[in-house]
PDB file of all heavy atoms in Angstrom:
ATOM      1  N   ALA A   1     -15.858   8.944  -6.651  1.00  0.00           N
ATOM      2  CA  ALA A   1     -15.243   8.947  -7.981  1.00  0.00           C
ATOM      3  C   ALA A   1     -14.172   7.863  -8.088  1.00  0.00           C
ATOM      4  O   ALA A   1     -14.107   7.149  -9.099  1.00  0.00           O
ATOM      5  CB  ALA A   1     -14.653  10.324  -8.283  1.00  0.00           C
ATOM      6  N   ILE A   2     -13.354   7.727  -7.063  1.00  0.00           N
ATOM      7  CA  ILE A   2     -12.322   6.689  -7.083  1.00  0.00           C
ATOM      8  C   ILE A   2     -12.967   5.309  -7.093  1.00  0.00           C
ATOM      9  O   ILE A   2     -12.592   4.448  -7.895  1.00  0.00           O
ATOM     10  CB  ILE A   2     -11.341   6.861  -5.916  1.00  0.00           C
ATOM     11  CG1 ILE A   2     -10.564   8.175  -6.109  1.00  0.00           C
ATOM     12  CG2 ILE A   2     -10.386   5.676  -5.813  1.00  0.00           C
ATOM     13  CD1 ILE A   2      -9.742   8.593  -4.919  1.00  0.00           C
ATOM     14  N   ASN A   3     -13.946   5.095  -6.231  1.00  0.00           N
ATOM     15  CA  ASN A   3     -14.660   3.812  -6.231  1.00  0.00           C
ATOM     16  C   ASN A   3     -15.266   3.505  -7.592  1.00  0.00           C
ATOM     17  O   ASN A   3     -15.338   2.361  -8.002  1.00  0.00           O
ATOM     18  CB  ASN A   3     -15.763   3.809  -5.169  1.00  0.00           C
ATOM     19  CG  ASN A   3     -15.260   3.426  -3.809  1.00  0.00           C
ATOM     20  OD1 ASN A   3     -14.425   2.542  -3.674  1.00  0.00           O
ATOM     21  ND2 ASN A   3     -15.744   4.121  -2.790  1.00  0.00           N
ATOM     22  N   GLY A   4     -15.669   4.541  -8.313  1.00  0.00           N
ATOM     23  CA  GLY A   4     -16.285   4.373  -9.617  1.00  0.00           C
ATOM     24  C   GLY A   4     -15.302   4.165 -10.752  1.00  0.00           C
ATOM     25  O   GLY A   4     -15.704   3.900 -11.876  1.00  0.00           O
ATOM     26  N   GLY A   5     -14.004   4.306 -10.505  1.00  0.00           N
ATOM     27  CA  GLY A   5     -13.024   4.018 -11.541  1.00  0.00           C
ATOM     28  C   GLY A   5     -11.994   5.094 -11.822  1.00  0.00           C
ATOM     29  O   GLY A   5     -11.128   4.909 -12.678  1.00  0.00           O
ATOM     30  N   VAL A   6     -12.047   6.224 -11.136  1.00  0.00           N
ATOM     31  CA  VAL A   6     -11.049   7.275 -11.324  1.00  0.00           C
ATOM     32  C   VAL A   6      -9.752   6.842 -10.643  1.00  0.00           C
ATOM     33  O   VAL A   6      -9.771   6.334  -9.520  1.00  0.00           O
ATOM     34  CB  VAL A   6     -11.549   8.621 -10.742  1.00  0.00           C
ATOM     35  CG1 VAL A   6     -10.452   9.661 -10.729  1.00  0.00           C
ATOM     36  CG2 VAL A   6     -12.754   9.106 -11.521  1.00  0.00           C
ATOM     37  N   GLY A   7      -8.622   7.035 -11.299  1.00  0.00           N
ATOM     38  CA  GLY A   7      -7.329   6.720 -10.709  1.00  0.00           C
ATOM     39  C   GLY A   7      -6.856   7.825  -9.790  1.00  0.00           C
ATOM     40  O   GLY A   7      -7.205   8.999  -9.962  1.00  0.00           O
ATOM     41  N   PHE A   8      -6.051   7.480  -8.786  1.00  0.00           N
ATOM     42  CA  PHE A   8      -5.524   8.459  -7.832  1.00  0.00           C
ATOM     43  C   PHE A   8      -4.072   8.132  -7.552  1.00  0.00           C
ATOM     44  O   PHE A   8      -3.748   7.058  -7.027  1.00  0.00           O
ATOM     45  CB  PHE A   8      -6.343   8.425  -6.544  1.00  0.00           C
ATOM     46  CG  PHE A   8      -5.892   9.432  -5.513  1.00  0.00           C
ATOM     47  CD1 PHE A   8      -5.941  10.793  -5.769  1.00  0.00           C
ATOM     48  CD2 PHE A   8      -5.433   9.008  -4.279  1.00  0.00           C
ATOM     49  CE1 PHE A   8      -5.536  11.720  -4.824  1.00  0.00           C
ATOM     50  CE2 PHE A   8      -5.029   9.920  -3.321  1.00  0.00           C
ATOM     51  CZ  PHE A   8      -5.079  11.276  -3.594  1.00  0.00           C
ATOM     52  N   LEU A   9      -3.175   9.039  -7.908  1.00  0.00           N
ATOM     53  CA  LEU A   9      -1.740   8.921  -7.638  1.00  0.00           C
ATOM     54  C   LEU A   9      -1.380   9.977  -6.611  1.00  0.00           C
ATOM     55  O   LEU A   9      -1.644  11.165  -6.826  1.00  0.00           O
ATOM     56  CB  LEU A   9      -0.937   9.124  -8.923  1.00  0.00           C
ATOM     57  CG  LEU A   9       0.581   9.215  -8.786  1.00  0.00           C
ATOM     58  CD1 LEU A   9       1.166   7.961  -8.147  1.00  0.00           C
ATOM     59  CD2 LEU A   9       1.207   9.465 -10.156  1.00  0.00           C
ATOM     60  N   ALA A  10      -0.788   9.565  -5.509  1.00  0.00           N
ATOM     61  CA  ALA A  10      -0.472  10.481  -4.417  1.00  0.00           C
ATOM     62  C   ALA A  10       0.995  10.348  -4.014  1.00  0.00           C
ATOM     63  O   ALA A  10       1.575   9.267  -4.119  1.00  0.00           O
ATOM     64  CB  ALA A  10      -1.363  10.180  -3.218  1.00  0.00           C
ATOM     65  N   PHE A  11       1.542  11.455  -3.550  1.00  0.00           N
ATOM     66  CA  PHE A  11       2.933  11.492  -3.107  1.00  0.00           C
ATOM     67  C   PHE A  11       3.020  12.032  -1.690  1.00  0.00           C
ATOM     68  O   PHE A  11       2.114  12.708  -1.204  1.00  0.00           O
ATOM     69  CB  PHE A  11       3.772  12.368  -4.041  1.00  0.00           C
ATOM     70  CG  PHE A  11       3.986  11.733  -5.381  1.00  0.00           C
ATOM     71  CD1 PHE A  11       3.067  11.922  -6.401  1.00  0.00           C
ATOM     72  CD2 PHE A  11       5.076  10.917  -5.612  1.00  0.00           C
ATOM     73  CE1 PHE A  11       3.242  11.327  -7.636  1.00  0.00           C
ATOM     74  CE2 PHE A  11       5.253  10.305  -6.843  1.00  0.00           C
ATOM     75  CZ  PHE A  11       4.336  10.516  -7.855  1.00  0.00           C
ATOM     76  N   HIS A  12       4.123  11.727  -1.086  1.00  0.00           N
ATOM     77  CA  HIS A  12       4.605  12.217   0.195  1.00  0.00           C
ATOM     78  C   HIS A  12       3.508  12.626   1.179  1.00  0.00           C
ATOM     79  O   HIS A  12       3.034  11.805   1.935  1.00  0.00           O
ATOM     80  CB  HIS A  12       5.596  13.359  -0.054  1.00  0.00           C
ATOM     81  CG  HIS A  12       6.358  13.753   1.157  1.00  0.00           C
ATOM     82  ND1 HIS A  12       7.175  12.881   1.836  1.00  0.00           N
ATOM     83  CD2 HIS A  12       6.435  14.934   1.815  1.00  0.00           C
ATOM     84  CE1 HIS A  12       7.719  13.494   2.862  1.00  0.00           C
ATOM     85  NE2 HIS A  12       7.282  14.751   2.875  1.00  0.00           N
ATOM     86  N   SER A  13       3.105  13.893   1.173  1.00  0.00           N
ATOM     87  CA  SER A  13       2.236  14.411   2.235  1.00  0.00           C
ATOM     88  C   SER A  13       0.777  13.971   2.119  1.00  0.00           C
ATOM     89  O   SER A  13      -0.034  14.323   2.978  1.00  0.00           O
ATOM     90  CB  SER A  13       2.314  15.935   2.289  1.00  0.00           C
ATOM     91  OG  SER A  13       1.891  16.495   1.065  1.00  0.00           O
ATOM     92  N   ALA A  14       0.429  13.194   1.114  1.00  0.00           N
ATOM     93  CA  ALA A  14      -0.956  12.732   0.985  1.00  0.00           C
ATOM     94  C   ALA A  14      -1.388  11.899   2.189  1.00  0.00           C
ATOM     95  O   ALA A  14      -2.577  11.870   2.519  1.00  0.00           O
ATOM     96  CB  ALA A  14      -1.134  11.923  -0.294  1.00  0.00           C
ATOM     97  N   THR A  15      -0.447  11.246   2.861  1.00  0.00           N
ATOM     98  CA  THR A  15      -0.796  10.452   4.048  1.00  0.00           C
ATOM     99  C   THR A  15      -1.055  11.336   5.264  1.00  0.00           C
ATOM    100  O   THR A  15      -1.522  10.858   6.288  1.00  0.00           O
ATOM    101  CB  THR A  15       0.313   9.439   4.387  1.00  0.00           C
ATOM    102  OG1 THR A  15       1.548  10.145   4.533  1.00  0.00           O
ATOM    103  CG2 THR A  15       0.423   8.364   3.329  1.00  0.00           C
ATOM    104  N   ASP A  16      -0.745  12.628   5.154  1.00  0.00           N
ATOM    105  CA  ASP A  16      -0.913  13.578   6.261  1.00  0.00           C
ATOM    106  C   ASP A  16      -2.101  14.502   6.009  1.00  0.00           C
ATOM    107  O   ASP A  16      -2.197  15.576   6.578  1.00  0.00           O
ATOM    108  CB  ASP A  16       0.379  14.400   6.430  1.00  0.00           C
ATOM    109  CG  ASP A  16       0.425  15.180   7.723  1.00  0.00           C
ATOM    110  OD1 ASP A  16      -0.319  14.841   8.668  1.00  0.00           O
ATOM    111  OD2 ASP A  16       1.193  16.158   7.797  1.00  0.00           O
ATOM    112  N   THR A  17      -3.018  14.099   5.144  1.00  0.00           N
ATOM    113  CA  THR A  17      -4.140  14.955   4.769  1.00  0.00           C
ATOM    114  C   THR A  17      -5.285  14.884   5.768  1.00  0.00           C
ATOM    115  O   THR A  17      -5.849  15.899   6.128  1.00  0.00           O
ATOM    116  CB  THR A  17      -4.632  14.576   3.355  1.00  0.00           C
ATOM    117  OG1 THR A  17      -3.513  14.692   2.460  1.00  0.00           O
ATOM    118  CG2 THR A  17      -5.736  15.481   2.881  1.00  0.00           C
ATOM    119  N   TRP A  18      -5.666  13.704   6.190  1.00  0.00           N
ATOM    120  CA  TRP A  18      -6.687  13.522   7.216  1.00  0.00           C
ATOM    121  C   TRP A  18      -6.116  12.661   8.320  1.00  0.00           C
ATOM    122  O   TRP A  18      -5.196  11.874   8.097  1.00  0.00           O
ATOM    123  CB  TRP A  18      -7.936  12.844   6.643  1.00  0.00           C
ATOM    124  CG  TRP A  18      -8.883  13.818   6.022  1.00  0.00           C
ATOM    125  CD1 TRP A  18      -9.837  14.542   6.674  1.00  0.00           C
ATOM    126  CD2 TRP A  18      -8.986  14.165   4.643  1.00  0.00           C
ATOM    127  NE1 TRP A  18     -10.514  15.322   5.779  1.00  0.00           N
ATOM    128  CE2 TRP A  18     -10.010  15.115   4.519  1.00  0.00           C
ATOM    129  CE3 TRP A  18      -8.306  13.786   3.495  1.00  0.00           C
ATOM    130  CZ2 TRP A  18     -10.382  15.676   3.314  1.00  0.00           C
ATOM    131  CZ3 TRP A  18      -8.667  14.344   2.288  1.00  0.00           C
ATOM    132  CH2 TRP A  18      -9.681  15.272   2.202  1.00  0.00           C
ATOM    133  N   LYS A  19      -6.681  12.795   9.511  1.00  0.00           N
ATOM    134  CA  LYS A  19      -6.221  12.034  10.671  1.00  0.00           C
ATOM    135  C   LYS A  19      -7.361  11.169  11.210  1.00  0.00           C
ATOM    136  O   LYS A  19      -8.514  11.579  11.246  1.00  0.00           O
ATOM    137  CB  LYS A  19      -5.761  12.970  11.796  1.00  0.00           C
ATOM    138  CG  LYS A  19      -4.608  13.853  11.422  1.00  0.00           C
ATOM    139  CD  LYS A  19      -3.354  13.047  11.332  1.00  0.00           C
ATOM    140  CE  LYS A  19      -2.195  13.984  11.081  1.00  0.00           C
ATOM    141  NZ  LYS A  19      -1.019  13.305  10.646  1.00  0.00           N
ATOM    142  N   THR A  20      -6.968   9.986  11.648  1.00  0.00           N
ATOM    143  CA  THR A  20      -7.888   9.102  12.333  1.00  0.00           C
ATOM    144  C   THR A  20      -7.822   9.440  13.819  1.00  0.00           C
ATOM    145  O   THR A  20      -6.744   9.714  14.347  1.00  0.00           O
ATOM    146  CB  THR A  20      -7.463   7.634  12.106  1.00  0.00           C
ATOM    147  OG1 THR A  20      -7.496   7.371  10.698  1.00  0.00           O
ATOM    148  CG2 THR A  20      -8.366   6.670  12.833  1.00  0.00           C
ATOM    149  N   GLU A  21      -8.957   9.415  14.479  1.00  0.00           N
ATOM    150  CA  GLU A  21      -8.968   9.676  15.913  1.00  0.00           C
ATOM    151  C   GLU A  21      -8.189   8.582  16.641  1.00  0.00           C
ATOM    152  O   GLU A  21      -8.245   7.415  16.261  1.00  0.00           O
ATOM    153  CB  GLU A  21     -10.403   9.728  16.440  1.00  0.00           C
ATOM    154  CG  GLU A  21     -11.162  10.958  15.976  1.00  0.00           C
ATOM    155  CD  GLU A  21     -12.523  11.059  16.619  1.00  0.00           C
ATOM    156  OE1 GLU A  21     -12.687  10.615  17.772  1.00  0.00           O
ATOM    157  OE2 GLU A  21     -13.426  11.589  15.949  1.00  0.00           O
ATOM    158  N   GLY A  22      -7.465   8.983  17.679  1.00  0.00           N
ATOM    159  CA  GLY A  22      -6.701   8.030  18.474  1.00  0.00           C
ATOM    160  C   GLY A  22      -5.272   8.488  18.645  1.00  0.00           C
ATOM    161  O   GLY A  22      -4.832   9.481  18.060  1.00  0.00           O
ATOM    162  N   ALA A  23      -4.546   7.760  19.473  1.00  0.00           N
ATOM    163  CA  ALA A  23      -3.154   8.106  19.780  1.00  0.00           C
ATOM    164  C   ALA A  23      -2.292   7.992  18.532  1.00  0.00           C
ATOM    165  O   ALA A  23      -2.464   7.063  17.736  1.00  0.00           O
ATOM    166  CB  ALA A  23      -2.627   7.188  20.881  1.00  0.00           C
ATOM    167  N   PRO A  24      -1.351   8.918  18.354  1.00  0.00           N
ATOM    168  CA  PRO A  24      -0.519   8.908  17.144  1.00  0.00           C
ATOM    169  C   PRO A  24       0.269   7.611  16.935  1.00  0.00           C
ATOM    170  O   PRO A  24       0.419   7.167  15.812  1.00  0.00           O
ATOM    171  CB  PRO A  24       0.429  10.083  17.342  1.00  0.00           C
ATOM    172  CG  PRO A  24      -0.155  10.917  18.401  1.00  0.00           C
ATOM    173  CD  PRO A  24      -1.047  10.040  19.215  1.00  0.00           C
ATOM    174  N   TYR A  25       0.784   7.034  17.992  1.00  0.00           N
ATOM    175  CA  TYR A  25       1.624   5.841  17.843  1.00  0.00           C
ATOM    176  C   TYR A  25       0.876   4.552  18.151  1.00  0.00           C
ATOM    177  O   TYR A  25       1.426   3.608  18.669  1.00  0.00           O
ATOM    178  CB  TYR A  25       2.896   5.970  18.690  1.00  0.00           C
ATOM    179  CG  TYR A  25       3.909   6.855  18.008  1.00  0.00           C
ATOM    180  CD1 TYR A  25       3.886   8.226  18.174  1.00  0.00           C
ATOM    181  CD2 TYR A  25       4.846   6.314  17.133  1.00  0.00           C
ATOM    182  CE1 TYR A  25       4.798   9.037  17.516  1.00  0.00           C
ATOM    183  CE2 TYR A  25       5.760   7.119  16.471  1.00  0.00           C
ATOM    184  CZ  TYR A  25       5.719   8.482  16.667  1.00  0.00           C
ATOM    185  OH  TYR A  25       6.613   9.276  16.010  1.00  0.00           O
ATOM    186  N   GLU A  26      -0.410   4.538  17.795  1.00  0.00           N
ATOM    187  CA  GLU A  26      -1.224   3.339  17.905  1.00  0.00           C
ATOM    188  C   GLU A  26      -1.981   3.152  16.602  1.00  0.00           C
ATOM    189  O   GLU A  26      -2.461   4.121  16.019  1.00  0.00           O
ATOM    190  CB  GLU A  26      -2.232   3.452  19.057  1.00  0.00           C
ATOM    191  CG  GLU A  26      -1.604   3.447  20.423  1.00  0.00           C
ATOM    192  CD  GLU A  26      -2.634   3.617  21.535  1.00  0.00           C
ATOM    193  OE1 GLU A  26      -3.860   3.572  21.257  1.00  0.00           O
ATOM    194  OE2 GLU A  26      -2.214   3.827  22.679  1.00  0.00           O
ATOM    195  N   ASN A  27      -2.098   1.912  16.159  1.00  0.00           N
ATOM    196  CA  ASN A  27      -2.925   1.596  14.998  1.00  0.00           C
ATOM    197  C   ASN A  27      -4.381   1.563  15.447  1.00  0.00           C
ATOM    198  O   ASN A  27      -4.682   1.135  16.558  1.00  0.00           O
ATOM    199  CB  ASN A  27      -2.524   0.238  14.417  1.00  0.00           C
ATOM    200  CG  ASN A  27      -1.165   0.292  13.763  1.00  0.00           C
ATOM    201  OD1 ASN A  27      -0.997   0.949  12.743  1.00  0.00           O
ATOM    202  ND2 ASN A  27      -0.178  -0.365  14.347  1.00  0.00           N
ATOM    203  N   GLN A  28      -5.281   2.028  14.578  1.00  0.00           N
ATOM    204  CA  GLN A  28      -6.699   2.036  14.902  1.00  0.00           C
ATOM    205  C   GLN A  28      -7.453   1.088  13.983  1.00  0.00           C
ATOM    206  O   GLN A  28      -7.038   0.852  12.858  1.00  0.00           O
ATOM    207  CB  GLN A  28      -7.290   3.454  14.755  1.00  0.00           C
ATOM    208  CG  GLN A  28      -6.929   4.398  15.889  1.00  0.00           C
ATOM    209  CD  GLN A  28      -5.566   5.049  15.701  1.00  0.00           C
ATOM    210  OE1 GLN A  28      -5.103   5.233  14.598  1.00  0.00           O
ATOM    211  NE2 GLN A  28      -4.926   5.381  16.800  1.00  0.00           N
ATOM    212  N   GLU A  29      -8.565   0.591  14.483  1.00  0.00           N
ATOM    213  CA  GLU A  29      -9.427  -0.293  13.689  1.00  0.00           C
ATOM    214  C   GLU A  29     -10.262   0.505  12.691  1.00  0.00           C
ATOM    215  O   GLU A  29     -10.404   0.117  11.544  1.00  0.00           O
ATOM    216  CB  GLU A  29     -10.363  -1.094  14.610  1.00  0.00           C
ATOM    217  CG  GLU A  29      -9.650  -2.140  15.446  1.00  0.00           C
ATOM    218  CD  GLU A  29      -9.138  -3.291  14.600  1.00  0.00           C
ATOM    219  OE1 GLU A  29      -9.846  -3.711  13.656  1.00  0.00           O
ATOM    220  OE2 GLU A  29      -8.036  -3.771  14.885  1.00  0.00           O
ATOM    221  N   ASN A  30     -10.844   1.598  13.142  1.00  0.00           N
ATOM    222  CA  ASN A  30     -11.752   2.393  12.314  1.00  0.00           C
ATOM    223  C   ASN A  30     -11.031   3.635  11.812  1.00  0.00           C
ATOM    224  O   ASN A  30     -11.095   4.688  12.436  1.00  0.00           O
ATOM    225  CB  ASN A  30     -13.003   2.781  13.114  1.00  0.00           C
ATOM    226  CG  ASN A  30     -13.781   1.567  13.543  1.00  0.00           C
ATOM    227  OD1 ASN A  30     -14.033   0.685  12.728  1.00  0.00           O
ATOM    228  ND2 ASN A  30     -14.152   1.508  14.810  1.00  0.00           N
ATOM    229  N   VAL A  31     -10.365   3.502  10.681  1.00  0.00           N
ATOM    230  CA  VAL A  31      -9.590   4.619  10.150  1.00  0.00           C
ATOM    231  C   VAL A  31     -10.461   5.525   9.281  1.00  0.00           C
ATOM    232  O   VAL A  31     -11.510   5.105   8.780  1.00  0.00           O
ATOM    233  CB  VAL A  31      -8.347   4.140   9.361  1.00  0.00           C
ATOM    234  CG1 VAL A  31      -7.417   3.334  10.242  1.00  0.00           C
ATOM    235  CG2 VAL A  31      -8.723   3.377   8.131  1.00  0.00           C
ATOM    236  N   ASP A  32     -10.028   6.752   9.128  1.00  0.00           N
ATOM    237  CA  ASP A  32     -10.703   7.721   8.284  1.00  0.00           C
ATOM    238  C   ASP A  32     -10.905   7.135   6.890  1.00  0.00           C
ATOM    239  O   ASP A  32     -10.013   6.458   6.364  1.00  0.00           O
ATOM    240  CB  ASP A  32      -9.835   8.985   8.223  1.00  0.00           C
ATOM    241  CG  ASP A  32     -10.446  10.043   7.351  1.00  0.00           C
ATOM    242  OD1 ASP A  32     -10.172  10.046   6.118  1.00  0.00           O
ATOM    243  OD2 ASP A  32     -11.199  10.872   7.883  1.00  0.00           O
ATOM    244  N   PRO A  33     -12.045   7.370   6.238  1.00  0.00           N
ATOM    245  CA  PRO A  33     -12.295   6.807   4.902  1.00  0.00           C
ATOM    246  C   PRO A  33     -11.238   7.187   3.862  1.00  0.00           C
ATOM    247  O   PRO A  33     -10.890   6.372   3.005  1.00  0.00           O
ATOM    248  CB  PRO A  33     -13.670   7.363   4.528  1.00  0.00           C
ATOM    249  CG  PRO A  33     -14.329   7.647   5.836  1.00  0.00           C
ATOM    250  CD  PRO A  33     -13.231   8.057   6.766  1.00  0.00           C
ATOM    251  N   TYR A  34     -10.716   8.398   3.914  1.00  0.00           N
ATOM    252  CA  TYR A  34      -9.653   8.797   2.986  1.00  0.00           C
ATOM    253  C   TYR A  34      -8.400   7.956   3.236  1.00  0.00           C
ATOM    254  O   TYR A  34      -7.778   7.468   2.296  1.00  0.00           O
ATOM    255  CB  TYR A  34      -9.342  10.285   3.141  1.00  0.00           C
ATOM    256  CG  TYR A  34      -8.079  10.704   2.427  1.00  0.00           C
ATOM    257  CD1 TYR A  34      -8.100  11.018   1.078  1.00  0.00           C
ATOM    258  CD2 TYR A  34      -6.864  10.772   3.103  1.00  0.00           C
ATOM    259  CE1 TYR A  34      -6.936  11.390   0.407  1.00  0.00           C
ATOM    260  CE2 TYR A  34      -5.691  11.140   2.447  1.00  0.00           C
ATOM    261  CZ  TYR A  34      -5.740  11.444   1.108  1.00  0.00           C
ATOM    262  OH  TYR A  34      -4.588  11.802   0.455  1.00  0.00           O
ATOM    263  N   ILE A  35      -8.036   7.772   4.493  1.00  0.00           N
ATOM    264  CA  ILE A  35      -6.862   6.969   4.851  1.00  0.00           C
ATOM    265  C   ILE A  35      -7.066   5.531   4.396  1.00  0.00           C
ATOM    266  O   ILE A  35      -6.159   4.901   3.860  1.00  0.00           O
ATOM    267  CB  ILE A  35      -6.581   7.036   6.367  1.00  0.00           C
ATOM    268  CG1 ILE A  35      -6.238   8.480   6.784  1.00  0.00           C
ATOM    269  CG2 ILE A  35      -5.506   6.054   6.785  1.00  0.00           C
ATOM    270  CD1 ILE A  35      -5.016   9.066   6.113  1.00  0.00           C
ATOM    271  N   ARG A  36      -8.261   4.997   4.578  1.00  0.00           N
ATOM    272  CA  ARG A  36      -8.556   3.631   4.136  1.00  0.00           C
ATOM    273  C   ARG A  36      -8.363   3.513   2.627  1.00  0.00           C
ATOM    274  O   ARG A  36      -7.778   2.564   2.129  1.00  0.00           O
ATOM    275  CB  ARG A  36      -9.978   3.237   4.523  1.00  0.00           C
ATOM    276  CG  ARG A  36     -10.319   1.796   4.146  1.00  0.00           C
ATOM    277  CD  ARG A  36     -11.706   1.365   4.609  1.00  0.00           C
ATOM    278  NE  ARG A  36     -11.840   1.457   6.054  1.00  0.00           N
ATOM    279  CZ  ARG A  36     -12.626   2.348   6.694  1.00  0.00           C
ATOM    280  NH1 ARG A  36     -13.342   3.220   6.023  1.00  0.00           N
ATOM    281  NH2 ARG A  36     -12.689   2.370   8.010  1.00  0.00           N
ATOM    282  N   MET A  37      -8.831   4.519   1.869  1.00  0.00           N
ATOM    283  CA  MET A  37      -8.671   4.509   0.413  1.00  0.00           C
ATOM    284  C   MET A  37      -7.190   4.593   0.040  1.00  0.00           C
ATOM    285  O   MET A  37      -6.712   3.842  -0.805  1.00  0.00           O
ATOM    286  CB  MET A  37      -9.441   5.694  -0.195  1.00  0.00           C
ATOM    287  CG  MET A  37      -9.266   5.884  -1.700  1.00  0.00           C
ATOM    288  SD  MET A  37      -7.776   6.780  -2.238  1.00  0.00           S
ATOM    289  CE  MET A  37      -7.949   8.367  -1.451  1.00  0.00           C
ATOM    290  N   LEU A  38      -6.453   5.492   0.677  1.00  0.00           N
ATOM    291  CA  LEU A  38      -5.050   5.706   0.334  1.00  0.00           C
ATOM    292  C   LEU A  38      -4.191   4.502   0.719  1.00  0.00           C
ATOM    293  O   LEU A  38      -3.349   4.077  -0.055  1.00  0.00           O
ATOM    294  CB  LEU A  38      -4.533   6.973   1.011  1.00  0.00           C
ATOM    295  CG  LEU A  38      -3.132   7.402   0.636  1.00  0.00           C
ATOM    296  CD1 LEU A  38      -3.004   7.672  -0.862  1.00  0.00           C
ATOM    297  CD2 LEU A  38      -2.741   8.648   1.437  1.00  0.00           C
ATOM    298  N   GLY A  39      -4.386   3.989   1.928  1.00  0.00           N
ATOM    299  CA  GLY A  39      -3.658   2.790   2.337  1.00  0.00           C
ATOM    300  C   GLY A  39      -2.857   2.906   3.614  1.00  0.00           C
ATOM    301  O   GLY A  39      -2.478   1.893   4.186  1.00  0.00           O
ATOM    302  N   ALA A  40      -2.570   4.115   4.104  1.00  0.00           N
ATOM    303  CA  ALA A  40      -1.825   4.293   5.354  1.00  0.00           C
ATOM    304  C   ALA A  40      -1.915   5.749   5.792  1.00  0.00           C
ATOM    305  O   ALA A  40      -2.366   6.612   5.040  1.00  0.00           O
ATOM    306  CB  ALA A  40      -0.365   3.883   5.197  1.00  0.00           C
ATOM    307  N   GLU A  41      -1.448   5.996   7.015  1.00  0.00           N
ATOM    308  CA  GLU A  41      -1.567   7.314   7.632  1.00  0.00           C
ATOM    309  C   GLU A  41      -0.234   7.782   8.223  1.00  0.00           C
ATOM    310  O   GLU A  41       0.500   7.001   8.827  1.00  0.00           O
ATOM    311  CB  GLU A  41      -2.623   7.230   8.738  1.00  0.00           C
ATOM    312  CG  GLU A  41      -2.910   8.510   9.455  1.00  0.00           C
ATOM    313  CD  GLU A  41      -4.088   8.378  10.410  1.00  0.00           C
ATOM    314  OE1 GLU A  41      -4.784   7.339  10.410  1.00  0.00           O
ATOM    315  OE2 GLU A  41      -4.308   9.332  11.169  1.00  0.00           O
TER     316      GLU A  41
END
């Protein structure tokens, strides 16, 4: 839906909704699709 044109406004805990596999204090190459859409984790 977002890719198709729906807007998404998120606050605070939205970055804590899904987790990418890997160590917490390391950046990963293959991030969760939701995190990729939102912009950070």
